[in-house]
């Protein structure tokens, strides 16, 4: 089939990778450049945490998340990013005075899903075996089946891979006026396709009247004195932060378009993404003083060596969401719309795309 994909953020790229393997010819439309650095998928930390998100999410998020964990390995290899998917689990801890809240958090997970009963409480000696530099924490829960994606490198490697495919046409800096069944209207033009996919996120507001943006802010830190190998979360009454490691820095990301690499990585230093605020606003301006203070104060309490880390970048973006914060798939003749992945982009994208394809275009092809 001759297929159009409008929106080349995370969902659009996962769609393209799936459809390429099935032999289709694809035209990619994006309002920005093909490098994807303005997409929410580039800003994201790439957390694959179906258990950790279950406290405030529906069980469908848990189910999609576990399926995505199965699918990410092949997607990462497809674009040549063989070390971009880690499944080392997640540590969740809290300050001593906040341990009752952490225990309540875990009890909630165990009440919601049977698999959560295997979540183990670690003492400081057990924490030290997993993460030697976090043994200053007396207790932590270990969610052994979770993982994370090096999201920035995935966007970069997928750009290179998709751009090299002969049956991919990439139309950058293109404003979509509207999408209809089998038709794309852009820049005063109209083009026809066998199938159209709408993966524009917030760009699809002309169709989804109930779509909203949820602002998220992250801080990039670099340190020679911190060595944490797996995502770590800190629960706090007012905020929940995560620390996501970037062991390979920005290897494979070209400096001319990776805006987080304008400051070259120090030799031997490790980078971490710290986030994420969740603000009901579509404001895309720079990170606020309040968020900066809260995130940096919290990360300092995880380990005091973060006090000497360097802030090398901050990012803000808006995640598309509906009122129920659940993803939405709409399949009809010659058009599929996928939206509303909220803050669960990397956790949901492969599984949601799989479901959308199975219920739409694959039925037609079969």
Protein backbone atom coordinates (compact mmCIF):
# COMPACT_ATOMS: atom_id res chain seq x y z
CA UNK A 1 0.00 0.00 0.00
CA UNK A 2 0.89 3.65 -0.45
CA UNK A 3 0.63 5.05 3.09
CA UNK A 4 0.83 8.51 4.69
CA UNK A 5 1.83 9.05 8.32
CA UNK A 6 1.15 12.53 9.69
CA UNK A 7 3.39 13.23 12.69
CA UNK A 8 6.84 11.72 13.07
CA UNK A 9 7.22 11.77 16.83
CA UNK A 10 7.43 8.53 18.77
CA UNK A 11 4.15 7.02 17.58
CA UNK A 12 4.77 7.96 13.95
CA UNK A 13 8.20 6.32 14.00
CA UNK A 14 6.95 3.14 15.62
CA UNK A 15 4.21 3.01 12.98
CA UNK A 16 6.73 3.49 10.18
CA UNK A 17 9.03 0.75 11.48
CA UNK A 18 6.14 -1.71 11.63
CA UNK A 19 4.77 -0.81 8.22
CA UNK A 20 8.18 -0.92 6.54
CA UNK A 21 8.61 -4.56 7.54
CA UNK A 22 5.31 -5.30 5.79
CA UNK A 23 6.53 -3.85 2.48
CA UNK A 24 4.50 -0.65 2.27
CA UNK A 25 5.59 2.62 0.69
CA UNK A 26 5.40 5.45 3.22
CA UNK A 27 5.29 9.23 3.12
CA UNK A 28 6.07 10.92 6.44
CA UNK A 29 4.66 14.38 7.14
CA UNK A 30 5.95 16.53 9.99
CA UNK A 31 5.56 20.17 10.99
CA UNK A 32 9.23 20.26 12.06
CA UNK A 33 12.43 18.72 10.76
CA UNK A 34 12.99 14.97 10.47
CA UNK A 35 15.45 15.00 13.40
CA UNK A 36 12.52 15.06 15.82
CA UNK A 37 14.15 17.09 18.59
CA UNK A 38 11.00 19.12 19.25
CA UNK A 39 8.85 16.02 19.77
CA UNK A 40 7.70 14.84 23.18
CA UNK A 41 9.42 11.56 22.36
CA UNK A 42 12.79 13.31 22.31
CA UNK A 43 12.22 15.08 25.62
CA UNK A 44 11.01 11.93 27.40
CA UNK A 45 13.16 9.85 29.74
CA UNK A 46 11.97 6.62 28.11
CA UNK A 47 10.76 4.92 31.30
CA UNK A 48 9.19 1.49 30.85
CA UNK A 49 7.51 1.23 34.24
CA UNK A 50 4.15 -0.58 34.10
CA UNK A 51 4.21 -1.31 37.84
CA UNK A 52 5.34 2.13 38.98
CA UNK A 53 2.64 3.84 36.91
CA UNK A 54 -0.11 1.52 38.12
CA UNK A 55 -0.89 3.51 41.27
CA UNK A 56 -2.63 6.26 39.30
CA UNK A 57 -3.26 4.46 35.98
CA UNK A 58 -5.88 2.04 34.70
CA UNK A 59 -5.03 -1.65 34.36
CA UNK A 60 -5.03 -1.24 30.56
CA UNK A 61 -1.84 0.82 30.93
CA UNK A 62 -0.26 -2.11 32.81
CA UNK A 63 -1.30 -4.57 30.10
CA UNK A 64 -0.12 -2.37 27.23
CA UNK A 65 3.10 -1.66 29.10
CA UNK A 66 3.99 -5.31 29.57
CA UNK A 67 3.34 -5.98 25.89
CA UNK A 68 5.54 -3.02 24.91
CA UNK A 69 8.35 -4.45 27.04
CA UNK A 70 8.17 -7.54 24.82
CA UNK A 71 8.17 -5.51 21.60
CA UNK A 72 10.88 -2.90 22.27
CA UNK A 73 13.83 -5.26 21.82
CA UNK A 74 13.12 -5.85 18.11
CA UNK A 75 12.31 -2.19 17.44
CA UNK A 76 15.59 -1.03 18.96
CA UNK A 77 17.60 -3.60 16.97
CA UNK A 78 15.78 -2.63 13.78
CA UNK A 79 17.25 0.89 13.90
CA UNK A 80 20.71 -0.36 14.92
CA UNK A 81 20.58 0.83 18.54
CA UNK A 82 21.61 -2.46 20.10
CA UNK A 83 22.39 -1.07 23.55
CA UNK A 84 19.45 1.32 23.81
CA UNK A 85 17.05 -0.94 25.71
CA UNK A 86 17.86 -1.93 29.29
CA UNK A 87 15.73 -4.11 31.54
CA UNK A 88 17.42 -3.85 34.91
CA UNK A 89 14.35 -2.99 36.94
CA UNK A 90 13.49 0.11 38.94
CA UNK A 91 14.35 1.08 42.50
CA UNK A 92 11.74 3.08 44.42
CA UNK A 93 12.69 4.72 47.71
CA UNK A 94 11.63 7.55 50.01
CA UNK A 95 12.91 9.63 52.89
CA UNK A 96 12.55 7.84 56.25
CA UNK A 97 9.65 10.10 57.25
CA UNK A 98 7.89 9.28 53.98
CA UNK A 99 8.21 5.48 54.15
CA UNK A 100 4.53 5.07 55.14
CA UNK A 101 3.61 6.69 51.83
CA UNK A 102 5.93 4.34 49.96
CA UNK A 103 4.45 1.32 51.73
CA UNK A 104 0.96 2.53 50.81
CA UNK A 105 2.11 2.92 47.20
CA UNK A 106 3.31 -0.68 47.05
CA UNK A 107 0.18 -2.00 48.79
CA UNK A 108 -1.89 -0.27 46.12
CA UNK A 109 0.08 -2.00 43.36
CA UNK A 110 -0.26 -5.40 45.02
CA UNK A 111 -4.00 -4.88 45.36
CA UNK A 112 -4.38 -4.02 41.67
CA UNK A 113 -2.39 -6.83 39.99
CA UNK A 114 -1.31 -10.30 41.03
CA UNK A 115 2.18 -9.89 39.56
CA UNK A 116 2.92 -7.01 41.96
CA UNK A 117 3.00 -9.49 44.84
CA UNK A 118 6.57 -10.34 43.77
CA UNK A 119 7.81 -6.78 44.46
CA UNK A 120 10.59 -7.11 47.01
CA UNK A 121 11.50 -4.80 49.87
CA UNK A 122 15.29 -4.37 50.06
CA UNK A 123 17.37 -3.36 53.06
CA UNK A 124 20.52 -1.23 52.75
CA UNK A 125 22.78 -4.26 52.19
CA UNK A 126 20.56 -5.54 49.39
CA UNK A 127 20.35 -2.07 47.86
CA UNK A 128 24.16 -1.89 47.90
CA UNK A 129 24.41 -5.08 45.84
CA UNK A 130 22.21 -3.55 43.13
CA UNK A 131 23.32 0.09 43.34
CA UNK A 132 26.37 0.56 45.59
CA UNK A 133 26.02 4.35 45.62
CA UNK A 134 22.45 4.20 46.94
CA UNK A 135 23.22 2.17 50.07
CA UNK A 136 22.65 5.35 52.12
CA UNK A 137 18.96 4.51 51.78
CA UNK A 138 17.72 2.13 54.45
CA UNK A 139 14.90 0.65 52.40
CA UNK A 140 13.77 0.51 48.79
CA UNK A 141 11.40 -1.55 46.71
CA UNK A 142 12.79 -3.33 43.65
CA UNK A 143 10.55 -3.67 40.58
CA UNK A 144 12.71 -6.19 38.76
CA UNK A 145 10.79 -6.45 35.47
CA UNK A 146 10.84 -2.79 34.50
CA UNK A 147 13.25 -1.08 32.09
CA UNK A 148 14.06 2.03 30.12
CA UNK A 149 14.81 3.18 26.58
CA UNK A 150 17.53 5.64 25.62
CA UNK A 151 14.88 7.84 24.07
CA UNK A 152 17.12 10.54 22.58
CA UNK A 153 19.27 7.99 20.80
CA UNK A 154 16.19 6.10 19.62
CA UNK A 155 14.89 9.25 17.95
CA UNK A 156 18.32 9.91 16.40
CA UNK A 157 18.91 6.35 15.20
CA UNK A 158 15.39 6.00 13.83
CA UNK A 159 15.87 9.23 11.87
CA UNK A 160 18.99 7.81 10.24
CA UNK A 161 17.37 4.44 9.58
CA UNK A 162 14.09 5.73 8.13
CA UNK A 163 15.87 8.36 6.06
CA UNK A 164 17.99 5.63 4.44
CA UNK A 165 15.01 3.54 3.30
CA UNK A 166 14.21 3.86 -0.44
CA UNK A 167 10.46 3.45 0.11
CA UNK A 168 10.29 6.33 2.62
CA UNK A 169 9.57 9.93 1.56
CA UNK A 170 9.99 12.52 4.29
CA UNK A 171 8.15 15.85 3.99
CA UNK A 172 9.60 18.12 6.66
CA UNK A 173 8.36 21.52 7.79
CA UNK A 174 4.93 20.69 6.43
CA UNK A 175 1.74 22.02 7.98
CA UNK A 176 -1.18 19.61 7.80
CA UNK A 177 -4.47 21.41 7.17
CA UNK A 178 -6.62 18.33 7.75
CA UNK A 179 -6.74 14.57 7.26
CA UNK A 180 -9.57 12.56 5.76
CA UNK A 181 -10.02 8.93 4.75
CA UNK A 182 -7.24 8.31 2.24
CA UNK A 183 -6.42 12.02 1.88
CA UNK A 184 -3.86 14.48 3.25
CA UNK A 185 -4.43 18.22 2.88
CA UNK A 186 -1.29 20.31 3.40
CA UNK A 187 0.10 23.66 2.25
CA UNK A 188 -2.90 24.18 0.01
CA UNK A 189 -2.43 20.78 -1.66
CA UNK A 190 -4.35 17.51 -1.58
CA UNK A 191 -2.80 14.04 -1.95
CA UNK A 192 -4.48 10.64 -1.99
CA UNK A 193 -3.20 7.48 -0.30
CA UNK A 194 -4.38 3.92 0.26
CA UNK A 195 -4.28 4.58 4.01
CA UNK A 196 -3.61 7.57 6.27
CA UNK A 197 -2.34 7.50 9.87
CA UNK A 198 -2.85 10.47 12.16
CA UNK A 199 -0.08 10.48 14.81
CA UNK A 200 0.18 14.25 15.29
CA UNK A 201 -0.35 14.40 19.04
CA UNK A 202 -1.47 17.91 19.95
CA UNK A 203 -1.40 18.78 16.26
CA UNK A 204 -4.64 16.81 15.86
CA UNK A 205 -6.78 19.25 17.82
CA UNK A 206 -8.72 20.14 14.68
CA UNK A 207 -10.17 16.63 14.93
CA UNK A 208 -10.06 15.80 18.68
CA UNK A 209 -11.86 18.62 20.45
CA UNK A 210 -11.23 17.06 23.89
CA UNK A 211 -7.45 16.74 23.45
CA UNK A 212 -5.29 18.67 25.92
CA UNK A 213 -1.59 19.14 26.59
CA UNK A 214 0.09 18.24 29.89
CA UNK A 215 3.37 20.07 30.47
CA UNK A 216 6.43 18.13 31.59
CA UNK A 217 9.88 19.42 32.54
CA UNK A 218 13.16 17.52 32.81
CA UNK A 219 16.72 18.40 33.77
CA UNK A 220 19.87 16.82 32.33
CA UNK A 221 22.68 16.31 34.83
CA UNK A 222 26.26 15.21 34.27
CA UNK A 223 28.56 13.84 36.96
CA UNK A 224 31.87 12.06 37.43
CA UNK A 225 30.89 11.15 40.98
CA UNK A 226 27.60 9.33 40.50
CA UNK A 227 27.20 5.85 39.03
CA UNK A 228 23.60 4.62 39.00
CA UNK A 229 22.78 1.97 36.42
CA UNK A 230 18.98 1.67 36.62
CA UNK A 231 16.06 4.10 36.92
CA UNK A 232 15.48 5.27 40.48
CA UNK A 233 12.34 6.90 41.84
CA UNK A 234 11.88 8.96 44.98
CA UNK A 235 8.39 9.24 46.44
CA UNK A 236 7.53 12.45 48.22
CA UNK A 237 4.18 13.82 49.45
CA UNK A 238 4.27 16.70 46.95
CA UNK A 239 6.12 15.18 44.00
CA UNK A 240 7.52 11.94 42.63
CA UNK A 241 10.81 12.23 40.78
CA UNK A 242 12.72 9.75 38.65
CA UNK A 243 16.39 9.57 37.73
CA UNK A 244 17.02 7.84 34.40
CA UNK A 245 20.63 6.97 33.51
CA UNK A 246 22.16 7.66 30.11
CA UNK A 247 25.19 5.38 30.21
CA UNK A 248 26.31 6.06 26.67
CA UNK A 249 25.84 9.79 26.78
CA UNK A 250 24.85 10.94 23.33
CA UNK A 251 26.87 8.54 21.21
CA UNK A 252 25.42 8.40 17.71
CA UNK A 253 23.57 11.73 17.95
CA UNK A 254 24.91 14.36 15.60
CA UNK A 255 25.88 17.60 17.32
CA UNK A 256 24.35 19.79 14.64
CA UNK A 257 20.83 18.84 15.63
CA UNK A 258 20.97 17.36 19.13
CA UNK A 259 20.21 20.40 21.20
CA UNK A 260 21.12 18.70 24.46
CA UNK A 261 24.68 18.16 23.17
CA UNK A 262 25.69 21.77 22.67
CA UNK A 263 27.81 21.20 25.77
CA UNK A 264 30.09 18.27 24.96
CA UNK A 265 30.01 15.39 27.41
CA UNK A 266 32.92 15.31 29.86
CA UNK A 267 35.14 12.28 29.42
CA UNK A 268 34.15 9.57 31.89
CA UNK A 269 31.10 11.45 33.14
CA UNK A 270 27.64 9.92 33.17
CA UNK A 271 24.43 11.68 32.30
CA UNK A 272 21.04 11.44 33.95
CA UNK A 273 17.60 12.74 33.09
CA UNK A 274 15.71 13.95 36.16
CA UNK A 275 11.98 14.57 35.94
CA UNK A 276 9.23 15.02 35.65
CA UNK A 277 6.80 17.66 36.57
CA UNK A 278 3.19 17.22 35.49
CA UNK A 279 1.39 20.52 34.99
CA UNK A 280 -2.06 21.04 33.46
CA UNK A 281 -0.89 23.58 30.93
CA UNK A 282 0.12 23.74 27.28
CA UNK A 283 2.87 26.20 28.07
CA UNK A 284 6.03 25.24 26.14
CA UNK A 285 8.28 27.90 27.66
CA UNK A 286 11.47 27.13 29.61
CA UNK A 287 11.47 25.29 32.92
CA UNK A 288 10.19 27.26 35.91
CA UNK A 289 12.17 28.21 39.01
CA UNK A 290 9.75 26.20 41.19
CA UNK A 291 10.22 23.00 39.17
CA UNK A 292 13.98 23.48 39.03
CA UNK A 293 14.23 23.90 42.79
CA UNK A 294 11.97 20.94 43.54
CA UNK A 295 13.68 18.55 41.13
CA UNK A 296 17.22 19.49 42.09
CA UNK A 297 16.46 19.50 45.82
CA UNK A 298 14.94 16.04 45.51
CA UNK A 299 17.79 14.58 43.47
CA UNK A 300 20.30 15.93 45.98
CA UNK A 301 18.57 13.93 48.71
CA UNK A 302 18.86 10.75 46.64
CA UNK A 303 22.66 11.13 46.82
CA UNK A 304 24.65 14.14 48.04
CA UNK A 305 27.16 13.77 45.18
CA UNK A 306 24.47 15.15 42.91
CA UNK A 307 25.26 18.46 44.60
CA UNK A 308 28.40 18.66 42.45
CA UNK A 309 26.75 17.48 39.24
CA UNK A 310 26.50 19.88 36.33
CA UNK A 311 23.22 20.98 34.79
CA UNK A 312 23.89 20.59 31.07
CA UNK A 313 20.38 20.93 29.68
CA UNK A 314 16.73 21.46 30.53
CA UNK A 315 13.77 20.44 28.39
CA UNK A 316 10.05 21.15 28.45
CA UNK A 317 7.30 19.67 26.33
CA UNK A 318 3.60 18.88 26.35
CA UNK A 319 2.17 15.37 26.27
CA UNK A 320 -1.19 14.83 24.48
CA UNK A 321 -3.93 13.51 26.75
CA UNK A 322 -7.68 13.04 26.94
CA UNK A 323 -9.83 13.52 30.06
CA UNK A 324 -9.41 9.87 31.14
CA UNK A 325 -5.63 9.96 30.41
CA UNK A 326 -6.01 6.81 28.30
CA UNK A 327 -4.82 6.30 24.72
CA UNK A 328 -7.36 6.42 21.94
CA UNK A 329 -7.39 4.46 18.68
CA UNK A 330 -9.90 5.24 15.95
CA UNK A 331 -9.95 2.96 12.92
CA UNK A 332 -12.18 3.50 9.92
CA UNK A 333 -11.91 2.98 6.19
CA UNK A 334 -8.53 4.25 4.94
CA UNK A 335 -7.65 6.19 8.10
CA UNK A 336 -6.36 5.38 11.58
CA UNK A 337 -5.93 7.91 14.38
CA UNK A 338 -3.75 7.25 17.45
CA UNK A 339 -3.47 9.81 20.23
CA UNK A 340 -3.55 10.53 23.95
CA UNK A 341 -0.58 8.50 25.20
CA UNK A 342 -0.18 11.09 27.97
CA UNK A 343 3.03 10.59 29.99
CA UNK A 344 3.26 6.93 28.98
CA UNK A 345 4.63 7.36 25.46
CA UNK A 346 7.47 4.82 25.49
CA UNK A 347 5.56 2.49 27.78
CA UNK A 348 2.56 2.34 25.44
CA UNK A 349 3.62 3.13 21.88
CA UNK A 350 4.64 -0.33 20.56
CA UNK A 351 1.60 -2.10 22.02
CA UNK A 352 -0.89 0.63 21.05
CA UNK A 353 0.49 0.71 17.50
CA UNK A 354 0.26 -3.09 17.30
CA UNK A 355 -3.39 -2.98 18.37
CA UNK A 356 -4.20 -0.18 15.91
CA UNK A 357 -2.61 -2.03 13.01
CA UNK A 358 -4.24 -5.36 13.86
CA UNK A 359 -7.69 -3.75 14.06
CA UNK A 360 -7.25 -1.60 10.95
CA UNK A 361 -4.94 -1.90 7.97
CA UNK A 362 -3.84 -5.48 8.64
CA UNK A 363 -7.44 -6.66 8.46
CA UNK A 364 -7.78 -5.01 5.06
CA UNK A 365 -4.51 -6.44 3.75
CA UNK A 366 -5.39 -9.92 5.02
